Protein backbone atom coordinates (compact mmCIF):
# COMPACT_ATOMS: atom_id res chain seq x y z
CA MET A 1 -9.00 22.58 -9.53
CA SER A 2 -12.32 24.14 -10.56
CA THR A 3 -15.36 22.06 -11.40
CA THR A 4 -14.81 22.74 -15.11
CA GLU A 5 -11.21 21.49 -15.21
CA LYS A 6 -10.49 17.84 -15.92
CA GLY A 7 -7.57 15.65 -16.93
CA GLY A 8 -3.87 15.67 -16.23
CA GLY A 9 -4.05 13.23 -13.34
CA SER A 10 -3.82 9.48 -12.89
CA LEU A 11 -5.87 6.91 -11.02
CA LEU A 12 -4.27 5.97 -7.68
CA ILE A 13 -5.14 2.36 -6.86
CA ALA A 14 -3.93 -0.42 -4.58
CA TRP A 15 -2.94 -3.16 -7.02
CA GLN A 16 -3.12 -6.72 -5.67
CA LEU A 17 -0.11 -8.63 -7.07
CA LYS A 18 -0.08 -11.69 -4.82
CA GLY A 19 0.93 -14.69 -6.94
CA LYS A 20 1.33 -12.55 -10.08
CA LYS A 21 4.45 -12.82 -12.26
CA VAL A 22 6.52 -9.63 -12.45
CA LEU A 23 9.54 -9.14 -14.72
CA ILE A 24 12.18 -6.51 -13.93
CA VAL A 25 14.59 -5.85 -16.80
CA GLY A 26 17.83 -4.41 -15.43
CA GLY A 27 19.99 -4.93 -12.38
CA GLY A 28 21.20 -1.53 -11.15
CA GLU A 29 20.15 0.65 -8.23
CA VAL A 30 16.78 1.60 -9.70
CA ALA A 31 16.02 -2.06 -10.37
CA SER A 32 16.82 -2.82 -6.72
CA GLN A 33 14.31 -0.14 -5.69
CA ARG A 34 11.70 -1.82 -7.86
CA VAL A 35 12.42 -5.18 -6.25
CA ASP A 36 12.10 -3.59 -2.82
CA SER A 37 8.68 -2.14 -3.71
CA ILE A 38 7.29 -5.22 -5.44
CA MET A 39 8.41 -7.94 -3.02
CA ASN A 40 6.10 -6.57 -0.32
CA THR A 41 3.14 -7.55 -2.51
CA ASP A 42 3.92 -11.31 -2.47
CA ALA A 43 4.39 -11.31 -6.23
CA ILE A 44 6.71 -13.76 -8.03
CA ILE A 45 9.62 -11.65 -9.27
CA THR A 46 12.02 -12.43 -12.11
CA ILE A 47 15.05 -10.21 -12.72
CA LEU A 48 16.51 -10.21 -16.23
CA SER A 49 20.10 -9.00 -15.91
CA LEU A 50 23.68 -10.16 -16.09
CA SER A 51 24.76 -11.23 -12.63
CA ARG A 52 27.80 -8.98 -12.74
CA ASN A 53 25.52 -5.95 -13.15
CA LEU A 54 23.39 -6.66 -10.09
CA HIS A 55 23.20 -4.07 -7.34
CA GLU A 56 24.38 -5.40 -3.98
CA ARG A 57 20.96 -4.89 -2.41
CA THR A 58 19.37 -7.00 -5.15
CA ARG A 59 21.87 -9.79 -4.48
CA LYS A 60 20.79 -9.78 -0.84
CA PHE A 61 17.12 -9.91 -1.80
CA ILE A 62 17.72 -12.91 -4.06
CA SER A 63 19.63 -14.78 -1.35
CA GLN A 64 17.04 -13.96 1.32
CA PHE A 65 13.95 -14.76 -0.76
CA PRO A 66 14.95 -17.47 -3.27
CA LEU A 67 11.39 -18.79 -3.57
CA SER A 68 9.90 -15.47 -4.68
CA ILE A 69 12.82 -13.80 -6.51
CA GLN A 70 14.83 -15.45 -9.28
CA LEU A 71 17.54 -14.22 -11.61
CA LEU A 72 17.81 -14.80 -15.35
CA ASP A 73 21.55 -14.23 -15.76
CA LYS A 74 21.57 -12.70 -19.23
CA ALA A 75 21.13 -9.42 -21.05
CA TYR A 76 17.85 -8.64 -22.80
CA GLU A 77 17.82 -9.85 -26.41
CA HIS A 78 15.12 -8.73 -28.80
CA ASP A 79 14.82 -11.93 -30.85
CA THR A 80 14.65 -14.37 -27.94
CA ASP A 81 13.08 -12.38 -25.10
CA ASN A 82 10.21 -10.42 -26.67
CA THR A 83 7.79 -13.33 -26.81
CA LYS A 84 8.79 -14.38 -23.28
CA LEU A 85 7.31 -11.12 -22.03
CA LEU A 86 3.93 -12.73 -22.62
CA ASP A 87 4.57 -14.97 -19.61
CA TYR A 88 4.35 -12.02 -17.21
CA ASP A 89 1.52 -10.02 -15.69
CA LEU A 90 3.63 -6.90 -15.19
CA VAL A 91 6.89 -5.69 -16.75
CA LEU A 92 9.29 -3.04 -15.40
CA THR A 93 12.38 -1.75 -17.15
CA ALA A 94 15.29 -0.12 -15.32
CA LEU A 95 17.80 0.35 -18.12
CA ASP A 96 20.16 3.06 -19.34
CA ASP A 97 19.28 2.17 -22.94
CA PHE A 98 16.26 4.24 -24.05
CA GLU A 99 15.73 2.32 -27.29
CA VAL A 100 15.59 -1.05 -25.55
CA SER A 101 13.16 0.30 -22.96
CA LYS A 102 11.01 1.78 -25.72
CA GLU A 103 10.99 -1.53 -27.59
CA ILE A 104 9.94 -3.46 -24.50
CA CYS A 105 7.22 -0.93 -23.67
CA GLN A 106 5.81 -0.99 -27.20
CA PHE A 107 5.64 -4.79 -27.23
CA CYS A 108 3.96 -4.88 -23.82
CA ARG A 109 1.42 -2.24 -24.77
CA GLU A 110 0.56 -4.09 -27.99
CA HIS A 111 -0.14 -7.19 -25.91
CA ARG A 112 -1.87 -5.36 -23.05
CA ILE A 113 0.79 -6.08 -20.45
CA PRO A 114 1.08 -3.19 -17.95
CA VAL A 115 4.58 -1.72 -18.22
CA ASN A 116 6.73 0.91 -16.50
CA ALA A 117 10.01 2.34 -17.81
CA ALA A 118 12.15 3.94 -15.12
CA ASP A 119 12.74 7.67 -15.66
CA ILE A 120 10.79 7.72 -18.95
CA PRO A 121 7.30 8.93 -17.93
CA GLU A 122 5.92 9.09 -21.46
CA LEU A 123 6.44 5.32 -21.87
CA CYS A 124 4.75 4.34 -18.59
CA ASP A 125 1.29 2.89 -18.05
CA PHE A 126 1.68 3.68 -14.35
CA TYR A 127 4.11 5.39 -11.98
CA PHE A 128 5.82 4.46 -8.75
CA GLY A 129 5.07 7.03 -6.07
CA SER A 130 6.85 7.74 -2.83
CA GLN A 131 5.33 5.38 -0.28
CA ILE A 132 4.83 5.23 3.46
CA ARG A 133 4.21 1.78 4.92
CA ASP A 134 3.10 0.95 8.45
CA GLY A 135 1.66 -2.55 8.57
CA PRO A 136 -1.58 -2.47 6.56
CA LEU A 137 -1.37 1.30 6.15
CA GLN A 138 0.04 2.46 2.81
CA ILE A 139 0.18 6.10 1.74
CA MET A 140 1.38 6.99 -1.73
CA VAL A 141 2.48 10.40 -2.95
CA SER A 142 2.62 10.76 -6.73
CA THR A 143 3.71 13.66 -8.92
CA ASN A 144 2.59 11.85 -12.10
CA GLY A 145 6.22 11.47 -13.11
CA ASN A 146 6.97 15.19 -12.88
CA GLY A 147 9.16 15.33 -9.78
CA PRO A 148 10.02 12.18 -7.82
CA ARG A 149 12.27 14.17 -5.46
CA LEU A 150 9.39 16.49 -4.60
CA ALA A 151 7.25 13.44 -3.84
CA ASN A 152 9.87 12.41 -1.28
CA LEU A 153 9.79 15.86 0.29
CA VAL A 154 5.99 15.72 0.62
CA LYS A 155 6.30 12.22 2.04
CA SER A 156 8.70 13.52 4.71
CA ARG A 157 6.16 16.12 5.77
CA ILE A 158 3.43 13.51 6.07
CA VAL A 159 5.67 11.19 8.11
CA LYS A 160 6.27 14.00 10.60
CA ALA A 161 2.52 14.38 11.01
CA LEU A 162 1.96 10.70 11.80
CA SER A 163 2.08 9.44 15.37
CA GLY A 164 3.41 5.97 14.56
CA SER A 165 0.30 4.28 15.96
CA GLU A 166 -1.73 4.27 12.74
CA GLY A 167 -0.64 0.85 11.45
CA ALA A 168 -1.35 -0.85 14.79
CA ALA A 169 -4.76 0.81 14.99
CA ILE A 170 -5.76 -0.35 11.51
CA SER A 171 -4.58 -3.90 12.30
CA LYS A 172 -6.67 -3.96 15.47
CA VAL A 173 -9.70 -2.61 13.62
CA GLY A 174 -9.23 -5.36 11.03
CA VAL A 175 -9.24 -8.05 13.75
CA LEU A 176 -12.31 -6.46 15.33
CA ARG A 177 -14.03 -6.42 11.96
CA VAL A 178 -13.50 -10.18 11.59
CA LYS A 179 -14.97 -10.80 15.04
CA LEU A 180 -17.92 -8.56 14.21
CA ARG A 181 -18.67 -10.40 10.98
CA GLU A 182 -18.56 -13.72 12.84
CA ARG A 183 -21.05 -12.37 15.35
CA ALA A 184 -23.29 -10.68 12.78
CA PRO A 185 -22.75 -12.49 9.44
CA GLY A 186 -24.22 -11.39 6.17
CA ILE A 187 -23.29 -9.32 3.12
CA GLY A 188 -25.16 -6.11 2.42
CA GLY A 189 -28.67 -5.56 3.66
CA GLU A 190 -29.60 -4.10 6.99
CA VAL A 191 -27.00 -6.09 8.94
CA GLY A 192 -24.21 -4.84 6.68
CA LYS A 193 -25.40 -1.24 6.99
CA ARG A 194 -25.57 -1.54 10.76
CA ARG A 195 -22.05 -2.96 10.94
CA MET A 196 -20.68 -0.10 8.84
CA ALA A 197 -22.54 2.50 10.88
CA TRP A 198 -21.27 1.09 14.17
CA MET A 199 -17.69 0.85 12.95
CA THR A 200 -17.94 4.43 11.69
CA ARG A 201 -19.03 5.63 15.12
CA LEU A 202 -16.22 3.69 16.78
CA CYS A 203 -13.53 5.14 14.51
CA ASN A 204 -14.92 8.65 14.93
CA GLU A 205 -15.18 8.51 18.73
CA TRP A 206 -11.95 6.68 19.59
CA SER A 207 -8.51 8.09 18.90
CA MET A 208 -5.96 6.25 16.77
CA GLU A 209 -3.95 5.43 19.89
CA GLU A 210 -7.01 4.04 21.68
CA LEU A 211 -7.85 1.81 18.72
CA GLY A 212 -4.25 0.58 18.69
CA ALA A 213 -4.52 -0.36 22.38
CA LEU A 214 -7.32 -2.88 21.81
CA ASN A 215 -6.53 -6.40 22.98
CA GLU A 216 -8.45 -9.69 22.92
CA GLU A 217 -10.23 -9.04 26.21
CA ASN A 218 -11.41 -5.49 25.69
CA ALA A 219 -12.27 -6.17 22.03
CA GLN A 220 -14.63 -8.87 23.27
CA ARG A 221 -16.13 -6.44 25.79
CA LEU A 222 -16.46 -3.82 23.09
CA LEU A 223 -18.64 -6.19 21.06
CA ASP A 224 -20.60 -7.43 24.09
CA GLU A 225 -21.27 -4.04 25.61
CA GLY A 226 -21.15 -1.91 22.48
CA TRP A 227 -22.32 -3.74 19.39
CA GLU A 228 -25.01 -5.75 21.19
CA ASN A 229 -26.44 -2.56 22.71
CA ASP A 230 -25.95 -0.36 19.64
CA ARG A 231 -23.60 2.04 21.39
CA VAL A 232 -19.87 2.80 21.53
CA PRO A 233 -18.43 2.53 25.05
CA SER A 234 -15.56 4.83 25.96
CA PRO A 235 -12.08 3.31 26.05
CA ARG A 236 -11.86 4.08 29.77
CA ALA A 237 -15.09 2.13 30.39
CA LEU A 238 -13.38 -0.92 28.89
CA GLY A 239 -10.24 -0.47 30.98
CA ILE A 240 -8.08 1.06 28.26
CA LYS A 241 -5.66 3.61 29.68
CA LEU A 242 -3.01 5.29 27.59
CA SER A 243 0.39 6.16 28.96
CA ARG A 244 1.51 9.78 28.76
CA MET A 245 3.75 8.81 25.84
CA GLN A 246 0.73 7.47 23.94
CA VAL A 247 -1.53 10.48 24.38
CA PRO A 248 -1.52 12.56 21.16
CA SER A 249 0.09 15.97 21.53
CA SER A 250 -2.02 18.98 20.62
CA SER A 251 1.15 20.94 19.88
CA ASN A 252 1.85 19.08 16.64
CA ASN A 253 1.06 21.62 13.95
CA VAL A 254 2.68 19.82 11.03
CA LEU A 255 0.11 19.36 8.28
CA PRO A 256 -2.88 20.41 10.42
CA GLY A 257 -5.77 18.00 10.23
CA PHE A 258 -3.75 15.09 8.87
CA ILE A 259 -3.99 13.11 12.08
CA GLY A 260 -7.75 13.59 11.97
CA PHE A 261 -7.72 12.24 8.44
CA CYS A 262 -5.82 9.17 9.57
CA ALA A 263 -8.28 8.64 12.42
CA GLY A 264 -10.94 8.02 9.79
CA LEU A 265 -8.66 5.93 7.63
CA ALA A 266 -9.13 2.80 9.73
CA CYS A 267 -12.85 3.18 9.28
CA ILE A 268 -12.53 3.57 5.51
CA VAL A 269 -10.38 0.43 5.32
CA THR A 270 -12.94 -1.40 7.42
CA TRP A 271 -15.80 -0.27 5.14
CA LYS A 272 -14.00 -1.83 2.20
CA TRP A 273 -13.43 -5.07 4.11
CA LEU A 274 -17.01 -5.22 5.32
CA ARG A 275 -18.26 -4.99 1.75
CA GLN A 276 -16.11 -7.86 0.53
């Protein structure tokens, strides 16, 4: 896109739904996909659907997570259910009936409740992209509702470019960040800038696999010998040795540069945590 072109996109954000009330209207396969996506956020999910219409996967979710997923065994009714939508923070429809979906979306929009209607992009406040999850790592591919299948194809290419160690590395960086803040407390100011600068150097100089190999002992040494002396020791100096299986292969040419991008991802996540 040139510098003069604007518009046509959407804002990709990580939406915190922990403890929020989410309503899913519908019980078929698409509704089960919505449940699968939302339940990872620790939201409180209500499914509005006749029990006989529930997808088998949704039945399993309800039986496995009865405290966070409940079923309202009924069909949506305009006169009795519209005002009940006000009880929810987020509403999703997964129905074959366009008019009912449109009605629900219009009501939600009038009352500023974020809403998504499956397979009807023009009614949606937001879209569900194709997601990759590896522990704290989440990567979303969105086509802005134009081609969900193409999003899956792009996702497959990205997965091939990942080593599988990214989630572990980000988790270890998160633990290290907590230890660093305990050792050098404070928000903002010179201490905060120094923490961010040191973590940036660490994430730039260590590979994803080396970050994922951190344990309690060498993390402590990293802070003692590195942070306290304003330097970044090499992994080998701390006793970290990767097996041949863990060493990244230089022959992986799928999506060139993507692994390098992910190497900085842990640092970006840490920056956000450090500023909280």
